[in-house]
PDB file of all heavy atoms in Angstrom:
ATOM      1  N   GLN A   1       0.846  -1.190   0.000  1.00  0.00           N
ATOM      2  CA  GLN A   1       0.000   0.000   0.000  1.00  0.00           C
ATOM      3  C   GLN A   1       0.883   1.241   0.000  1.00  0.00           C
ATOM      4  O   GLN A   1       1.501   1.574   1.016  1.00  0.00           O
ATOM      5  CB  GLN A   1      -0.936   0.027   1.199  1.00  0.00           C
ATOM      6  CG  GLN A   1      -1.915   1.209   1.164  1.00  0.00           C
ATOM      7  CD  GLN A   1      -3.006   1.100   2.206  1.00  0.00           C
ATOM      8  OE1 GLN A   1      -2.905   0.298   3.133  1.00  0.00           O
ATOM      9  NE2 GLN A   1      -4.051   1.909   2.073  1.00  0.00           N
ATOM     10  N   PRO A   2       0.965   1.913  -1.147  1.00  0.00           N
ATOM     11  CA  PRO A   2       1.731   3.165  -1.177  1.00  0.00           C
ATOM     12  C   PRO A   2       1.157   4.166  -0.186  1.00  0.00           C
ATOM     13  O   PRO A   2      -0.048   4.138   0.122  1.00  0.00           O
ATOM     14  CB  PRO A   2       1.555   3.640  -2.630  1.00  0.00           C
ATOM     15  CG  PRO A   2       1.172   2.414  -3.395  1.00  0.00           C
ATOM     16  CD  PRO A   2       0.372   1.578  -2.439  1.00  0.00           C
ATOM     17  N   ILE A   3       2.007   5.051   0.292  1.00  0.00           N
ATOM     18  CA  ILE A   3       1.545   6.079   1.222  1.00  0.00           C
ATOM     19  C   ILE A   3       0.496   6.941   0.519  1.00  0.00           C
ATOM     20  O   ILE A   3       0.753   7.502  -0.546  1.00  0.00           O
ATOM     21  CB  ILE A   3       2.719   6.953   1.714  1.00  0.00           C
ATOM     22  CG1 ILE A   3       3.761   6.086   2.429  1.00  0.00           C
ATOM     23  CG2 ILE A   3       2.220   8.058   2.635  1.00  0.00           C
ATOM     24  CD1 ILE A   3       5.019   6.845   2.801  1.00  0.00           C
ATOM     25  N   GLY A   4      -0.695   7.003   1.117  1.00  0.00           N
ATOM     26  CA  GLY A   4      -1.771   7.793   0.527  1.00  0.00           C
ATOM     27  C   GLY A   4      -2.435   7.151  -0.670  1.00  0.00           C
ATOM     28  O   GLY A   4      -3.253   7.793  -1.348  1.00  0.00           O
ATOM     29  N   GLY A   5      -2.111   5.888  -0.952  1.00  0.00           N
ATOM     30  CA  GLY A   5      -2.668   5.217  -2.132  1.00  0.00           C
ATOM     31  C   GLY A   5      -3.452   3.973  -1.772  1.00  0.00           C
ATOM     32  O   GLY A   5      -3.655   3.644  -0.600  1.00  0.00           O
ATOM     33  N   ARG A   6      -3.894   3.259  -2.790  1.00  0.00           N
ATOM     34  CA  ARG A   6      -4.672   2.049  -2.605  1.00  0.00           C
ATOM     35  C   ARG A   6      -3.780   0.818  -2.591  1.00  0.00           C
ATOM     36  O   ARG A   6      -2.660   0.840  -3.096  1.00  0.00           O
ATOM     37  CB  ARG A   6      -5.711   1.911  -3.730  1.00  0.00           C
ATOM     38  CG  ARG A   6      -6.746   3.031  -3.745  1.00  0.00           C
ATOM     39  CD  ARG A   6      -7.720   2.807  -4.883  1.00  0.00           C
ATOM     40  NE  ARG A   6      -8.757   3.830  -4.917  1.00  0.00           N
ATOM     41  CZ  ARG A   6      -9.745   3.865  -5.802  1.00  0.00           C
ATOM     42  NH1 ARG A   6      -9.802   2.922  -6.759  1.00  0.00           N
ATOM     43  NH2 ARG A   6     -10.652   4.825  -5.758  1.00  0.00           N
ATOM     44  N   ILE A   7      -4.318  -0.265  -2.048  1.00  0.00           N
ATOM     45  CA  ILE A   7      -3.581  -1.527  -1.990  1.00  0.00           C
ATOM     46  C   ILE A   7      -3.353  -2.057  -3.410  1.00  0.00           C
ATOM     47  O   ILE A   7      -4.262  -2.045  -4.242  1.00  0.00           O
ATOM     48  CB  ILE A   7      -4.348  -2.558  -1.148  1.00  0.00           C
ATOM     49  CG1 ILE A   7      -4.384  -2.115   0.326  1.00  0.00           C
ATOM     50  CG2 ILE A   7      -3.702  -3.942  -1.266  1.00  0.00           C
ATOM     51  CD1 ILE A   7      -5.206  -3.022   1.222  1.00  0.00           C
ATOM     52  N   GLU A   8      -2.154  -2.519  -3.659  1.00  0.00           N
ATOM     53  CA  GLU A   8      -1.793  -3.090  -4.960  1.00  0.00           C
ATOM     54  C   GLU A   8      -1.219  -4.484  -4.759  1.00  0.00           C
ATOM     55  O   GLU A   8      -0.609  -4.780  -3.732  1.00  0.00           O
ATOM     56  CB  GLU A   8      -0.730  -2.219  -5.650  1.00  0.00           C
ATOM     57  CG  GLU A   8      -1.118  -0.781  -5.868  1.00  0.00           C
ATOM     58  CD  GLU A   8       0.045   0.032  -6.423  1.00  0.00           C
ATOM     59  OE1 GLU A   8       1.089  -0.586  -6.784  1.00  0.00           O
ATOM     60  OE2 GLU A   8      -0.065   1.270  -6.473  1.00  0.00           O
ATOM     61  N   ARG A   9      -1.406  -5.333  -5.739  1.00  0.00           N
ATOM     62  CA  ARG A   9      -0.803  -6.670  -5.693  1.00  0.00           C
ATOM     63  C   ARG A   9       0.493  -6.654  -6.515  1.00  0.00           C
ATOM     64  O   ARG A   9       0.555  -6.064  -7.592  1.00  0.00           O
ATOM     65  CB  ARG A   9      -1.754  -7.730  -6.250  1.00  0.00           C
ATOM     66  CG  ARG A   9      -2.963  -7.975  -5.352  1.00  0.00           C
ATOM     67  CD  ARG A   9      -3.573  -9.335  -5.646  1.00  0.00           C
ATOM     68  NE  ARG A   9      -2.668 -10.444  -5.401  1.00  0.00           N
ATOM     69  CZ  ARG A   9      -2.429 -10.985  -4.195  1.00  0.00           C
ATOM     70  NH1 ARG A   9      -3.025 -10.487  -3.112  1.00  0.00           N
ATOM     71  NH2 ARG A   9      -1.608 -12.010  -4.073  1.00  0.00           N
ATOM     72  N   VAL A  10       1.508  -7.325  -5.985  1.00  0.00           N
ATOM     73  CA  VAL A  10       2.787  -7.422  -6.681  1.00  0.00           C
ATOM     74  C   VAL A  10       3.268  -8.871  -6.652  1.00  0.00           C
ATOM     75  O   VAL A  10       2.932  -9.634  -5.749  1.00  0.00           O
ATOM     76  CB  VAL A  10       3.866  -6.513  -6.050  1.00  0.00           C
ATOM     77  CG1 VAL A  10       3.564  -5.050  -6.303  1.00  0.00           C
ATOM     78  CG2 VAL A  10       4.011  -6.784  -4.557  1.00  0.00           C
ATOM     79  N   ASP A  11       4.045  -9.218  -7.655  1.00  0.00           N
ATOM     80  CA  ASP A  11       4.640 -10.561  -7.744  1.00  0.00           C
ATOM     81  C   ASP A  11       6.145 -10.388  -7.650  1.00  0.00           C
ATOM     82  O   ASP A  11       6.812 -10.149  -8.661  1.00  0.00           O
ATOM     83  CB  ASP A  11       4.231 -11.220  -9.054  1.00  0.00           C
ATOM     84  CG  ASP A  11       4.893 -12.580  -9.252  1.00  0.00           C
ATOM     85  OD1 ASP A  11       5.392 -13.154  -8.253  1.00  0.00           O
ATOM     86  OD2 ASP A  11       4.941 -13.057 -10.407  1.00  0.00           O
ATOM     87  N   VAL A  12       6.661 -10.478  -6.438  1.00  0.00           N
ATOM     88  CA  VAL A  12       8.073 -10.181  -6.186  1.00  0.00           C
ATOM     89  C   VAL A  12       8.700 -11.283  -5.347  1.00  0.00           C
ATOM     90  O   VAL A  12       8.114 -11.743  -4.365  1.00  0.00           O
ATOM     91  CB  VAL A  12       8.231  -8.835  -5.445  1.00  0.00           C
ATOM     92  CG1 VAL A  12       9.690  -8.583  -5.063  1.00  0.00           C
ATOM     93  CG2 VAL A  12       7.717  -7.687  -6.302  1.00  0.00           C
ATOM     94  N   ARG A  13       9.879 -11.726  -5.751  1.00  0.00           N
ATOM     95  CA  ARG A  13      10.674 -12.621  -4.891  1.00  0.00           C
ATOM     96  C   ARG A  13      11.648 -11.758  -4.100  1.00  0.00           C
ATOM     97  O   ARG A  13      12.339 -10.907  -4.681  1.00  0.00           O
ATOM     98  CB  ARG A  13      11.461 -13.625  -5.726  1.00  0.00           C
ATOM     99  CG  ARG A  13      12.275 -14.588  -4.856  1.00  0.00           C
ATOM    100  CD  ARG A  13      13.183 -15.451  -5.681  1.00  0.00           C
ATOM    101  NE  ARG A  13      13.689 -16.572  -4.900  1.00  0.00           N
ATOM    102  CZ  ARG A  13      14.387 -17.577  -5.396  1.00  0.00           C
ATOM    103  NH1 ARG A  13      14.667 -17.604  -6.692  1.00  0.00           N
ATOM    104  NH2 ARG A  13      14.810 -18.563  -4.625  1.00  0.00           N
ATOM    105  N   VAL A  14      11.711 -11.984  -2.801  1.00  0.00           N
ATOM    106  CA  VAL A  14      12.587 -11.192  -1.943  1.00  0.00           C
ATOM    107  C   VAL A  14      13.799 -12.024  -1.531  1.00  0.00           C
ATOM    108  O   VAL A  14      13.671 -13.163  -1.081  1.00  0.00           O
ATOM    109  CB  VAL A  14      11.839 -10.696  -0.693  1.00  0.00           C
ATOM    110  CG1 VAL A  14      12.815 -10.100   0.323  1.00  0.00           C
ATOM    111  CG2 VAL A  14      10.799  -9.650  -1.081  1.00  0.00           C
ATOM    112  N   VAL A  15      14.973 -11.435  -1.713  1.00  0.00           N
ATOM    113  CA  VAL A  15      16.224 -11.984  -1.198  1.00  0.00           C
ATOM    114  C   VAL A  15      16.783 -10.946  -0.235  1.00  0.00           C
ATOM    115  O   VAL A  15      17.084  -9.819  -0.641  1.00  0.00           O
ATOM    116  CB  VAL A  15      17.236 -12.270  -2.323  1.00  0.00           C
ATOM    117  CG1 VAL A  15      18.541 -12.802  -1.733  1.00  0.00           C
ATOM    118  CG2 VAL A  15      16.667 -13.272  -3.320  1.00  0.00           C
ATOM    119  N   ALA A  16      16.860 -11.291   1.038  1.00  0.00           N
ATOM    120  CA  ALA A  16      17.351 -10.355   2.051  1.00  0.00           C
ATOM    121  C   ALA A  16      18.758 -10.754   2.467  1.00  0.00           C
ATOM    122  O   ALA A  16      19.109 -11.938   2.469  1.00  0.00           O
ATOM    123  CB  ALA A  16      16.422 -10.349   3.261  1.00  0.00           C
ATOM    124  N   SER A  17      19.569  -9.765   2.812  1.00  0.00           N
ATOM    125  CA  SER A  17      20.929 -10.057   3.279  1.00  0.00           C
ATOM    126  C   SER A  17      21.202  -9.296   4.561  1.00  0.00           C
ATOM    127  O   SER A  17      20.622  -8.232   4.807  1.00  0.00           O
ATOM    128  CB  SER A  17      21.960  -9.678   2.213  1.00  0.00           C
ATOM    129  OG  SER A  17      22.050  -8.270   2.077  1.00  0.00           O
ATOM    130  N   THR A  18      22.080  -9.840   5.384  1.00  0.00           N
ATOM    131  CA  THR A  18      22.430  -9.179   6.639  1.00  0.00           C
ATOM    132  C   THR A  18      23.756  -9.708   7.167  1.00  0.00           C
ATOM    133  O   THR A  18      24.113 -10.867   6.926  1.00  0.00           O
ATOM    134  CB  THR A  18      21.348  -9.405   7.710  1.00  0.00           C
ATOM    135  OG1 THR A  18      21.717  -8.723   8.923  1.00  0.00           O
ATOM    136  CG2 THR A  18      21.156 -10.893   8.011  1.00  0.00           C
ATOM    137  N   HIS A  19      24.484  -8.826   7.868  1.00  0.00           N
ATOM    138  CA  HIS A  19      25.682  -9.273   8.571  1.00  0.00           C
ATOM    139  C   HIS A  19      25.371  -9.518  10.038  1.00  0.00           C
ATOM    140  O   HIS A  19      26.237  -9.949  10.802  1.00  0.00           O
ATOM    141  CB  HIS A  19      26.807  -8.231   8.452  1.00  0.00           C
ATOM    142  CG  HIS A  19      26.565  -6.991   9.245  1.00  0.00           C
ATOM    143  ND1 HIS A  19      25.722  -5.987   8.825  1.00  0.00           N
ATOM    144  CD2 HIS A  19      27.052  -6.586  10.448  1.00  0.00           C
ATOM    145  CE1 HIS A  19      25.708  -5.009   9.725  1.00  0.00           C
ATOM    146  NE2 HIS A  19      26.500  -5.358  10.719  1.00  0.00           N
ATOM    147  N   ARG A  20      24.128  -9.284  10.438  1.00  0.00           N
ATOM    148  CA  ARG A  20      23.717  -9.459  11.826  1.00  0.00           C
ATOM    149  C   ARG A  20      23.170 -10.865  12.069  1.00  0.00           C
ATOM    150  O   ARG A  20      22.718 -11.532  11.141  1.00  0.00           O
ATOM    151  CB  ARG A  20      22.652  -8.433  12.215  1.00  0.00           C
ATOM    152  CG  ARG A  20      23.142  -6.990  12.203  1.00  0.00           C
ATOM    153  CD  ARG A  20      22.072  -6.073  12.761  1.00  0.00           C
ATOM    154  NE  ARG A  20      22.497  -4.693  12.758  1.00  0.00           N
ATOM    155  CZ  ARG A  20      23.257  -4.123  13.698  1.00  0.00           C
ATOM    156  NH1 ARG A  20      23.659  -4.860  14.737  1.00  0.00           N
ATOM    157  NH2 ARG A  20      23.608  -2.858  13.628  1.00  0.00           N
ATOM    158  N   ASP A  21      23.166 -11.282  13.337  1.00  0.00           N
ATOM    159  CA  ASP A  21      22.512 -12.513  13.757  1.00  0.00           C
ATOM    160  C   ASP A  21      21.056 -12.166  14.051  1.00  0.00           C
ATOM    161  O   ASP A  21      20.730 -11.652  15.113  1.00  0.00           O
ATOM    162  CB  ASP A  21      23.204 -13.079  15.005  1.00  0.00           C
ATOM    163  CG  ASP A  21      22.589 -14.394  15.470  1.00  0.00           C
ATOM    164  OD1 ASP A  21      21.496 -14.748  14.982  1.00  0.00           O
ATOM    165  OD2 ASP A  21      23.185 -15.050  16.336  1.00  0.00           O
ATOM    166  N   LEU A  22      20.163 -12.405  13.085  1.00  0.00           N
ATOM    167  CA  LEU A  22      18.776 -11.977  13.235  1.00  0.00           C
ATOM    168  C   LEU A  22      18.066 -12.716  14.352  1.00  0.00           C
ATOM    169  O   LEU A  22      17.156 -12.163  14.992  1.00  0.00           O
ATOM    170  CB  LEU A  22      18.012 -12.169  11.923  1.00  0.00           C
ATOM    171  CG  LEU A  22      18.330 -11.180  10.794  1.00  0.00           C
ATOM    172  CD1 LEU A  22      17.305 -11.309   9.681  1.00  0.00           C
ATOM    173  CD2 LEU A  22      18.380  -9.744  11.303  1.00  0.00           C
ATOM    174  N   ALA A  23      18.458 -13.972  14.614  1.00  0.00           N
ATOM    175  CA  ALA A  23      17.850 -14.700  15.733  1.00  0.00           C
ATOM    176  C   ALA A  23      18.154 -13.985  17.048  1.00  0.00           C
ATOM    177  O   ALA A  23      17.275 -13.860  17.922  1.00  0.00           O
ATOM    178  CB  ALA A  23      18.360 -16.131  15.767  1.00  0.00           C
ATOM    179  N   ALA A  24      19.376 -13.487  17.194  1.00  0.00           N
ATOM    180  CA  ALA A  24      19.733 -12.729  18.398  1.00  0.00           C
ATOM    181  C   ALA A  24      19.004 -11.392  18.436  1.00  0.00           C
ATOM    182  O   ALA A  24      18.607 -10.918  19.511  1.00  0.00           O
ATOM    183  CB  ALA A  24      21.243 -12.506  18.439  1.00  0.00           C
ATOM    184  N   GLU A  25      18.810 -10.771  17.265  1.00  0.00           N
ATOM    185  CA  GLU A  25      18.067  -9.518  17.200  1.00  0.00           C
ATOM    186  C   GLU A  25      16.610  -9.720  17.612  1.00  0.00           C
ATOM    187  O   GLU A  25      16.006  -8.858  18.250  1.00  0.00           O
ATOM    188  CB  GLU A  25      18.130  -8.949  15.773  1.00  0.00           C
ATOM    189  CG  GLU A  25      19.515  -8.524  15.317  1.00  0.00           C
ATOM    190  CD  GLU A  25      20.039  -7.342  16.118  1.00  0.00           C
ATOM    191  OE1 GLU A  25      19.433  -6.256  16.042  1.00  0.00           O
ATOM    192  OE2 GLU A  25      21.043  -7.519  16.827  1.00  0.00           O
ATOM    193  N   VAL A  26      16.050 -10.878  17.261  1.00  0.00           N
ATOM    194  CA  VAL A  26      14.680 -11.200  17.674  1.00  0.00           C
ATOM    195  C   VAL A  26      14.604 -11.309  19.194  1.00  0.00           C
ATOM    196  O   VAL A  26      13.697 -10.750  19.834  1.00  0.00           O
ATOM    197  CB  VAL A  26      14.216 -12.513  17.010  1.00  0.00           C
ATOM    198  CG1 VAL A  26      12.905 -13.004  17.646  1.00  0.00           C
ATOM    199  CG2 VAL A  26      14.024 -12.319  15.515  1.00  0.00           C
ATOM    200  N   LYS A  27      15.545 -12.022  19.791  1.00  0.00           N
ATOM    201  CA  LYS A  27      15.558 -12.178  21.256  1.00  0.00           C
ATOM    202  C   LYS A  27      15.727 -10.842  21.956  1.00  0.00           C
ATOM    203  O   LYS A  27      15.183 -10.619  23.046  1.00  0.00           O
ATOM    204  CB  LYS A  27      16.682 -13.127  21.667  1.00  0.00           C
ATOM    205  CG  LYS A  27      16.426 -14.578  21.290  1.00  0.00           C
ATOM    206  CD  LYS A  27      17.563 -15.465  21.771  1.00  0.00           C
ATOM    207  CE  LYS A  27      17.300 -16.927  21.408  1.00  0.00           C
ATOM    208  NZ  LYS A  27      18.402 -17.805  21.857  1.00  0.00           N
ATOM    209  N   ALA A  28      16.479  -9.937  21.330  1.00  0.00           N
ATOM    210  CA  ALA A  28      16.716  -8.614  21.929  1.00  0.00           C
ATOM    211  C   ALA A  28      15.547  -7.657  21.677  1.00  0.00           C
ATOM    212  O   ALA A  28      15.574  -6.521  22.158  1.00  0.00           O
ATOM    213  CB  ALA A  28      18.010  -8.019  21.382  1.00  0.00           C
ATOM    214  N   GLY A  29      14.539  -8.103  20.925  1.00  0.00           N
ATOM    215  CA  GLY A  29      13.372  -7.259  20.674  1.00  0.00           C
ATOM    216  C   GLY A  29      13.583  -6.216  19.604  1.00  0.00           C
ATOM    217  O   GLY A  29      12.788  -5.283  19.481  1.00  0.00           O
ATOM    218  N   ARG A  30      14.645  -6.365  18.782  1.00  0.00           N
ATOM    219  CA  ARG A  30      14.931  -5.380  17.743  1.00  0.00           C
ATOM    220  C   ARG A  30      14.467  -5.827  16.351  1.00  0.00           C
ATOM    221  O   ARG A  30      14.631  -5.092  15.388  1.00  0.00           O
ATOM    222  CB  ARG A  30      16.432  -5.072  17.724  1.00  0.00           C
ATOM    223  CG  ARG A  30      16.929  -4.330  18.945  1.00  0.00           C
ATOM    224  CD  ARG A  30      18.369  -3.880  18.769  1.00  0.00           C
ATOM    225  NE  ARG A  30      19.282  -5.015  18.734  1.00  0.00           N
ATOM    226  CZ  ARG A  30      19.916  -5.499  19.796  1.00  0.00           C
ATOM    227  NH1 ARG A  30      19.730  -4.928  20.981  1.00  0.00           N
ATOM    228  NH2 ARG A  30      20.745  -6.527  19.692  1.00  0.00           N
ATOM    229  N   PHE A  31      13.931  -7.051  16.287  1.00  0.00           N
ATOM    230  CA  PHE A  31      13.454  -7.552  14.999  1.00  0.00           C
ATOM    231  C   PHE A  31      12.273  -8.472  15.251  1.00  0.00           C
ATOM    232  O   PHE A  31      12.275  -9.272  16.188  1.00  0.00           O
ATOM    233  CB  PHE A  31      14.572  -8.320  14.270  1.00  0.00           C
ATOM    234  CG  PHE A  31      14.375  -8.422  12.788  1.00  0.00           C
ATOM    235  CD1 PHE A  31      14.796  -7.398  11.953  1.00  0.00           C
ATOM    236  CD2 PHE A  31      13.754  -9.530  12.221  1.00  0.00           C
ATOM    237  CE1 PHE A  31      14.614  -7.481  10.581  1.00  0.00           C
ATOM    238  CE2 PHE A  31      13.574  -9.625  10.858  1.00  0.00           C
ATOM    239  CZ  PHE A  31      13.999  -8.597  10.028  1.00  0.00           C
ATOM    240  N   ARG A  32      11.243  -8.355  14.404  1.00  0.00           N
ATOM    241  CA  ARG A  32      10.031  -9.145  14.592  1.00  0.00           C
ATOM    242  C   ARG A  32      10.297 -10.628  14.325  1.00  0.00           C
ATOM    243  O   ARG A  32      10.888 -10.996  13.305  1.00  0.00           O
ATOM    244  CB  ARG A  32       8.932  -8.660  13.653  1.00  0.00           C
ATOM    245  CG  ARG A  32       8.335  -7.315  14.017  1.00  0.00           C
ATOM    246  CD  ARG A  32       7.255  -6.958  13.010  1.00  0.00           C
ATOM    247  NE  ARG A  32       6.155  -7.915  13.019  1.00  0.00           N
ATOM    248  CZ  ARG A  32       4.936  -7.647  13.462  1.00  0.00           C
ATOM    249  NH1 ARG A  32       4.654  -6.438  13.947  1.00  0.00           N
ATOM    250  NH2 ARG A  32       3.990  -8.563  13.423  1.00  0.00           N
ATOM    251  N   GLU A  33       9.831 -11.453  15.241  1.00  0.00           N
ATOM    252  CA  GLU A  33      10.044 -12.891  15.106  1.00  0.00           C
ATOM    253  C   GLU A  33       9.319 -13.446  13.887  1.00  0.00           C
ATOM    254  O   GLU A  33       9.875 -14.261  13.140  1.00  0.00           O
ATOM    255  CB  GLU A  33       9.573 -13.609  16.369  1.00  0.00           C
ATOM    256  CG  GLU A  33       9.870 -15.097  16.365  1.00  0.00           C
ATOM    257  CD  GLU A  33       9.494 -15.762  17.670  1.00  0.00           C
ATOM    258  OE1 GLU A  33       8.646 -15.203  18.401  1.00  0.00           O
ATOM    259  OE2 GLU A  33      10.041 -16.846  17.961  1.00  0.00           O
ATOM    260  N   ASP A  34       8.053 -12.999  13.657  1.00  0.00           N
ATOM    261  CA  ASP A  34       7.298 -13.526  12.520  1.00  0.00           C
ATOM    262  C   ASP A  34       7.934 -13.121  11.196  1.00  0.00           C
ATOM    263  O   ASP A  34       7.945 -13.892  10.230  1.00  0.00           O
ATOM    264  CB  ASP A  34       5.828 -13.094  12.580  1.00  0.00           C
ATOM    265  CG  ASP A  34       5.658 -11.602  12.839  1.00  0.00           C
ATOM    266  OD1 ASP A  34       6.669 -10.881  12.937  1.00  0.00           O
ATOM    267  OD2 ASP A  34       4.501 -11.150  12.963  1.00  0.00           O
ATOM    268  N   LEU A  35       8.507 -11.933  11.144  1.00  0.00           N
ATOM    269  CA  LEU A  35       9.191 -11.499   9.920  1.00  0.00           C
ATOM    270  C   LEU A  35      10.463 -12.305   9.700  1.00  0.00           C
ATOM    271  O   LEU A  35      10.783 -12.687   8.572  1.00  0.00           O
ATOM    272  CB  LEU A  35       9.510 -10.010   9.993  1.00  0.00           C
ATOM    273  CG  LEU A  35      10.270  -9.421   8.793  1.00  0.00           C
ATOM    274  CD1 LEU A  35       9.519  -9.652   7.490  1.00  0.00           C
ATOM    275  CD2 LEU A  35      10.537  -7.932   9.001  1.00  0.00           C
ATOM    276  N   TYR A  36      11.179 -12.578  10.783  1.00  0.00           N
ATOM    277  CA  TYR A  36      12.410 -13.375  10.669  1.00  0.00           C
ATOM    278  C   TYR A  36      12.118 -14.737  10.059  1.00  0.00           C
ATOM    279  O   TYR A  36      12.795 -15.175   9.119  1.00  0.00           O
ATOM    280  CB  TYR A  36      13.067 -13.533  12.037  1.00  0.00           C
ATOM    281  CG  TYR A  36      14.158 -14.574  12.071  1.00  0.00           C
ATOM    282  CD1 TYR A  36      15.315 -14.414  11.321  1.00  0.00           C
ATOM    283  CD2 TYR A  36      14.014 -15.731  12.838  1.00  0.00           C
ATOM    284  CE1 TYR A  36      16.322 -15.379  11.333  1.00  0.00           C
ATOM    285  CE2 TYR A  36      15.012 -16.699  12.858  1.00  0.00           C
ATOM    286  CZ  TYR A  36      16.153 -16.517  12.103  1.00  0.00           C
ATOM    287  OH  TYR A  36      17.127 -17.469  12.115  1.00  0.00           O
ATOM    288  N   TYR A  37      11.110 -15.421  10.571  1.00  0.00           N
ATOM    289  CA  TYR A  37      10.799 -16.749  10.049  1.00  0.00           C
ATOM    290  C   TYR A  37      10.267 -16.681   8.620  1.00  0.00           C
ATOM    291  O   TYR A  37      10.452 -17.617   7.841  1.00  0.00           O
ATOM    292  CB  TYR A  37       9.800 -17.456  10.960  1.00  0.00           C
ATOM    293  CG  TYR A  37      10.410 -17.880  12.274  1.00  0.00           C
ATOM    294  CD1 TYR A  37       9.922 -17.399  13.486  1.00  0.00           C
ATOM    295  CD2 TYR A  37      11.497 -18.749  12.299  1.00  0.00           C
ATOM    296  CE1 TYR A  37      10.499 -17.780  14.697  1.00  0.00           C
ATOM    297  CE2 TYR A  37      12.084 -19.130  13.504  1.00  0.00           C
ATOM    298  CZ  TYR A  37      11.583 -18.646  14.688  1.00  0.00           C
ATOM    299  OH  TYR A  37      12.166 -19.021  15.878  1.00  0.00           O
ATOM    300  N   ARG A  38       9.618 -15.586   8.273  1.00  0.00           N
ATOM    301  CA  ARG A  38       9.129 -15.437   6.899  1.00  0.00           C
ATOM    302  C   ARG A  38      10.269 -15.174   5.924  1.00  0.00           C
ATOM    303  O   ARG A  38      10.219 -15.592   4.770  1.00  0.00           O
ATOM    304  CB  ARG A  38       8.112 -14.283   6.846  1.00  0.00           C
ATOM    305  CG  ARG A  38       7.373 -14.186   5.517  1.00  0.00           C
ATOM    306  CD  ARG A  38       6.526 -15.410   5.284  1.00  0.00           C
ATOM    307  NE  ARG A  38       5.894 -15.419   3.965  1.00  0.00           N
ATOM    308  CZ  ARG A  38       6.492 -15.776   2.842  1.00  0.00           C
ATOM    309  NH1 ARG A  38       7.766 -16.167   2.867  1.00  0.00           N
ATOM    310  NH2 ARG A  38       5.840 -15.767   1.693  1.00  0.00           N
ATOM    311  N   LEU A  39      11.295 -14.481   6.398  1.00  0.00           N
ATOM    312  CA  LEU A  39      12.456 -14.206   5.542  1.00  0.00           C
ATOM    313  C   LEU A  39      13.359 -15.418   5.404  1.00  0.00           C
ATOM    314  O   LEU A  39      13.906 -15.679   4.334  1.00  0.00           O
ATOM    315  CB  LEU A  39      13.270 -13.036   6.111  1.00  0.00           C
ATOM    316  CG  LEU A  39      12.674 -11.639   5.988  1.00  0.00           C
ATOM    317  CD1 LEU A  39      13.469 -10.667   6.850  1.00  0.00           C
ATOM    318  CD2 LEU A  39      12.668 -11.183   4.536  1.00  0.00           C
ATOM    319  N   ALA A  40      13.524 -16.156   6.495  1.00  0.00           N
ATOM    320  CA  ALA A  40      14.504 -17.250   6.531  1.00  0.00           C
ATOM    321  C   ALA A  40      13.888 -18.576   6.090  1.00  0.00           C
ATOM    322  O   ALA A  40      14.158 -19.618   6.690  1.00  0.00           O
ATOM    323  CB  ALA A  40      15.090 -17.375   7.930  1.00  0.00           C
ATOM    324  N   VAL A  41      13.080 -18.554   5.030  1.00  0.00           N
ATOM    325  CA  VAL A  41      12.568 -19.812   4.476  1.00  0.00           C
ATOM    326  C   VAL A  41      13.752 -20.668   4.031  1.00  0.00           C
ATOM    327  O   VAL A  41      13.822 -21.870   4.275  1.00  0.00           O
ATOM    328  CB  VAL A  41      11.609 -19.531   3.300  1.00  0.00           C
ATOM    329  CG1 VAL A  41      11.142 -20.836   2.673  1.00  0.00           C
ATOM    330  CG2 VAL A  41      10.417 -18.712   3.770  1.00  0.00           C
ATOM    331  N   VAL A  42      14.697 -20.030   3.356  1.00  0.00           N
ATOM    332  CA  VAL A  42      15.972 -20.663   3.004  1.00  0.00           C
ATOM    333  C   VAL A  42      17.084 -19.722   3.456  1.00  0.00           C
ATOM    334  O   VAL A  42      17.019 -18.527   3.190  1.00  0.00           O
ATOM    335  CB  VAL A  42      16.095 -20.904   1.485  1.00  0.00           C
ATOM    336  CG1 VAL A  42      17.483 -21.432   1.140  1.00  0.00           C
ATOM    337  CG2 VAL A  42      15.030 -21.880   1.001  1.00  0.00           C
TER     338      VAL A  42
END
């Protein structure tokens, strides 16, 4: 949903990268657990 706009559907594959330990960031409350598991499918 663009800011001030309507909901749109997109067909996008996401590849995320990080130098951080996201599992540790989740425990520290700095990263959403549900988002972490959704990103780390592979």
